């Protein structure tokens, strides 16, 4: 799904973002009139949560390397 590693949400290409949204659509359904609003809300959510996700992954990796 990814073309290369991402450091933050700004690094995610439109193509990769589109593939992520296509995966999201497999699990949820909505009326076609809501498509743009759902996509916009999903983008805003990902921008907020992506930084937290990367921070937790970094912290987990640091802790694992200290133990091993």
N, C-alpha and C. Protein backbone atom coordinates (compact mmCIF):
# COMPACT_ATOMS: atom_id res chain seq x y z
N UNK A 1 0.82 -1.19 0.00
CA UNK A 1 0.00 0.00 0.00
C UNK A 1 0.87 1.26 0.00
N UNK A 2 2.10 1.16 0.49
CA UNK A 2 2.95 2.34 0.57
C UNK A 2 3.99 2.34 -0.55
N UNK A 3 4.31 3.52 -1.04
CA UNK A 3 5.35 3.62 -2.06
C UNK A 3 6.72 3.82 -1.43
N UNK A 4 6.76 4.36 -0.19
CA UNK A 4 8.01 4.55 0.55
C UNK A 4 7.67 4.92 1.99
N UNK A 5 8.66 4.91 2.90
CA UNK A 5 8.37 5.27 4.31
C UNK A 5 7.90 6.72 4.44
N UNK A 6 7.07 6.96 5.42
CA UNK A 6 6.56 8.30 5.67
C UNK A 6 7.03 8.76 7.04
N UNK A 7 7.46 10.02 7.13
CA UNK A 7 7.83 10.61 8.42
C UNK A 7 6.64 11.33 9.03
N UNK A 8 5.75 11.83 8.19
CA UNK A 8 4.55 12.50 8.67
C UNK A 8 3.49 12.43 7.57
N UNK A 9 2.30 12.90 7.88
CA UNK A 9 1.19 12.78 6.93
C UNK A 9 1.44 13.56 5.65
N UNK A 10 2.22 14.64 5.72
CA UNK A 10 2.52 15.43 4.52
C UNK A 10 3.32 14.62 3.50
N UNK A 11 4.04 13.61 3.97
CA UNK A 11 4.84 12.77 3.08
C UNK A 11 4.00 11.76 2.30
N UNK A 12 2.76 11.56 2.71
CA UNK A 12 1.88 10.58 2.06
C UNK A 12 1.41 11.15 0.73
N UNK A 13 1.73 10.45 -0.34
CA UNK A 13 1.31 10.93 -1.67
C UNK A 13 -0.20 10.82 -1.83
N UNK A 14 -0.73 11.54 -2.78
CA UNK A 14 -2.18 11.46 -3.05
C UNK A 14 -2.56 10.04 -3.45
N UNK A 15 -1.69 9.37 -4.19
CA UNK A 15 -1.97 7.99 -4.62
C UNK A 15 -2.03 7.05 -3.41
N UNK A 16 -1.06 7.18 -2.49
CA UNK A 16 -1.08 6.35 -1.28
C UNK A 16 -2.29 6.67 -0.41
N UNK A 17 -2.59 7.96 -0.28
CA UNK A 17 -3.77 8.36 0.48
C UNK A 17 -5.04 7.80 -0.13
N UNK A 18 -5.10 7.78 -1.45
CA UNK A 18 -6.26 7.20 -2.15
C UNK A 18 -6.38 5.71 -1.88
N UNK A 19 -5.24 5.01 -1.88
CA UNK A 19 -5.27 3.57 -1.59
C UNK A 19 -5.71 3.30 -0.15
N UNK A 20 -5.28 4.15 0.77
CA UNK A 20 -5.70 4.01 2.17
C UNK A 20 -7.21 4.20 2.27
N UNK A 21 -7.72 5.21 1.57
CA UNK A 21 -9.17 5.47 1.61
C UNK A 21 -9.94 4.32 0.97
N UNK A 22 -9.40 3.74 -0.08
CA UNK A 22 -10.07 2.59 -0.72
C UNK A 22 -10.17 1.42 0.26
N UNK A 23 -9.13 1.19 1.06
CA UNK A 23 -9.18 0.14 2.08
C UNK A 23 -10.24 0.47 3.13
N UNK A 24 -10.31 1.73 3.54
CA UNK A 24 -11.31 2.20 4.51
C UNK A 24 -12.73 1.93 3.99
N UNK A 25 -12.94 2.16 2.69
CA UNK A 25 -14.27 1.97 2.09
C UNK A 25 -14.71 0.51 2.10
N UNK A 26 -13.76 -0.41 2.20
CA UNK A 26 -14.13 -1.83 2.25
C UNK A 26 -14.85 -2.20 3.53
N UNK A 27 -14.62 -1.42 4.59
CA UNK A 27 -15.18 -1.73 5.89
C UNK A 27 -16.42 -0.91 6.24
N UNK A 28 -16.62 0.20 5.55
CA UNK A 28 -17.74 1.09 5.87
C UNK A 28 -18.49 1.47 4.61
N UNK A 29 -19.77 1.76 4.78
CA UNK A 29 -20.60 2.18 3.65
C UNK A 29 -21.39 3.41 4.05
N UNK A 30 -21.67 4.26 3.07
CA UNK A 30 -22.45 5.46 3.29
C UNK A 30 -23.10 5.84 1.97
N UNK A 31 -24.07 6.72 2.07
CA UNK A 31 -24.76 7.18 0.85
C UNK A 31 -23.78 7.98 0.00
N UNK A 32 -23.92 7.87 -1.31
CA UNK A 32 -22.98 8.54 -2.22
C UNK A 32 -22.96 10.06 -2.03
N UNK A 33 -24.06 10.64 -1.59
CA UNK A 33 -24.10 12.09 -1.36
C UNK A 33 -23.14 12.52 -0.25
N UNK A 34 -22.74 11.59 0.61
CA UNK A 34 -21.87 11.88 1.74
C UNK A 34 -20.39 11.63 1.43
N UNK A 35 -20.08 11.17 0.22
CA UNK A 35 -18.73 10.74 -0.11
C UNK A 35 -17.66 11.80 0.22
N UNK A 36 -17.81 13.00 -0.28
CA UNK A 36 -16.78 14.04 -0.08
C UNK A 36 -16.65 14.42 1.39
N UNK A 37 -17.77 14.48 2.11
CA UNK A 37 -17.72 14.83 3.53
C UNK A 37 -17.00 13.73 4.32
N UNK A 38 -17.28 12.48 4.01
CA UNK A 38 -16.61 11.37 4.68
C UNK A 38 -15.12 11.41 4.39
N UNK A 39 -14.76 11.61 3.14
CA UNK A 39 -13.34 11.66 2.76
C UNK A 39 -12.62 12.80 3.47
N UNK A 40 -13.22 13.97 3.52
CA UNK A 40 -12.63 15.13 4.19
C UNK A 40 -12.44 14.87 5.67
N UNK A 41 -13.45 14.32 6.33
CA UNK A 41 -13.34 14.01 7.75
C UNK A 41 -12.27 12.96 8.02
N UNK A 42 -12.19 11.99 7.16
CA UNK A 42 -11.17 10.93 7.31
C UNK A 42 -9.76 11.52 7.17
N UNK A 43 -9.57 12.42 6.22
CA UNK A 43 -8.27 13.08 6.04
C UNK A 43 -7.88 13.87 7.28
N UNK A 44 -8.82 14.64 7.83
CA UNK A 44 -8.53 15.43 9.03
C UNK A 44 -8.17 14.52 10.19
N UNK A 45 -8.89 13.42 10.34
CA UNK A 45 -8.61 12.47 11.41
C UNK A 45 -7.21 11.89 11.25
N UNK A 46 -6.85 11.46 10.04
CA UNK A 46 -5.54 10.86 9.80
C UNK A 46 -4.42 11.85 10.08
N UNK A 47 -4.60 13.10 9.71
CA UNK A 47 -3.57 14.10 9.97
C UNK A 47 -3.31 14.24 11.46
N UNK A 48 -4.35 14.22 12.27
CA UNK A 48 -4.19 14.35 13.73
C UNK A 48 -3.58 13.11 14.34
N UNK A 49 -4.01 11.93 13.90
CA UNK A 49 -3.59 10.69 14.54
C UNK A 49 -2.26 10.15 14.04
N UNK A 50 -1.83 10.54 12.86
CA UNK A 50 -0.62 9.98 12.26
C UNK A 50 0.61 10.30 13.10
N UNK A 51 0.71 11.53 13.59
CA UNK A 51 1.85 11.93 14.42
C UNK A 51 1.91 11.08 15.68
N UNK A 52 0.78 10.87 16.32
CA UNK A 52 0.72 10.04 17.52
C UNK A 52 1.13 8.60 17.23
N UNK A 53 0.66 8.07 16.13
CA UNK A 53 0.99 6.71 15.73
C UNK A 53 2.49 6.54 15.53
N UNK A 54 3.12 7.48 14.85
CA UNK A 54 4.56 7.41 14.62
C UNK A 54 5.34 7.56 15.92
N UNK A 55 4.90 8.44 16.81
CA UNK A 55 5.58 8.62 18.10
C UNK A 55 5.53 7.34 18.92
N UNK A 56 4.38 6.71 18.96
CA UNK A 56 4.26 5.46 19.72
C UNK A 56 5.12 4.36 19.12
N UNK A 57 5.19 4.28 17.80
CA UNK A 57 6.03 3.27 17.15
C UNK A 57 7.50 3.52 17.45
N UNK A 58 7.92 4.78 17.42
CA UNK A 58 9.30 5.13 17.73
C UNK A 58 9.64 4.78 19.18
N UNK A 59 8.75 5.14 20.10
CA UNK A 59 8.98 4.85 21.52
C UNK A 59 9.05 3.35 21.77
N UNK A 60 8.20 2.60 21.13
CA UNK A 60 8.19 1.14 21.28
C UNK A 60 9.51 0.55 20.77
N UNK A 61 9.98 1.04 19.64
CA UNK A 61 11.22 0.54 19.06
C UNK A 61 12.42 0.88 19.95
N UNK A 62 12.45 2.09 20.48
CA UNK A 62 13.53 2.49 21.38
C UNK A 62 13.56 1.60 22.63
N UNK A 63 12.38 1.37 23.20
CA UNK A 63 12.30 0.53 24.40
C UNK A 63 12.75 -0.90 24.09
N UNK A 64 12.38 -1.41 22.96
CA UNK A 64 12.74 -2.78 22.59
C UNK A 64 14.25 -2.92 22.38
N UNK A 65 14.88 -1.90 21.80
CA UNK A 65 16.32 -1.99 21.56
C UNK A 65 17.11 -1.83 22.86
N UNK A 66 16.58 -1.11 23.82
CA UNK A 66 17.26 -0.97 25.13
C UNK A 66 17.23 -2.29 25.89
N UNK A 67 16.14 -3.03 25.74
CA UNK A 67 15.98 -4.30 26.46
C UNK A 67 16.79 -5.42 25.81
N UNK A 68 16.97 -5.38 24.51
CA UNK A 68 17.58 -6.49 23.80
C UNK A 68 18.98 -6.26 23.49
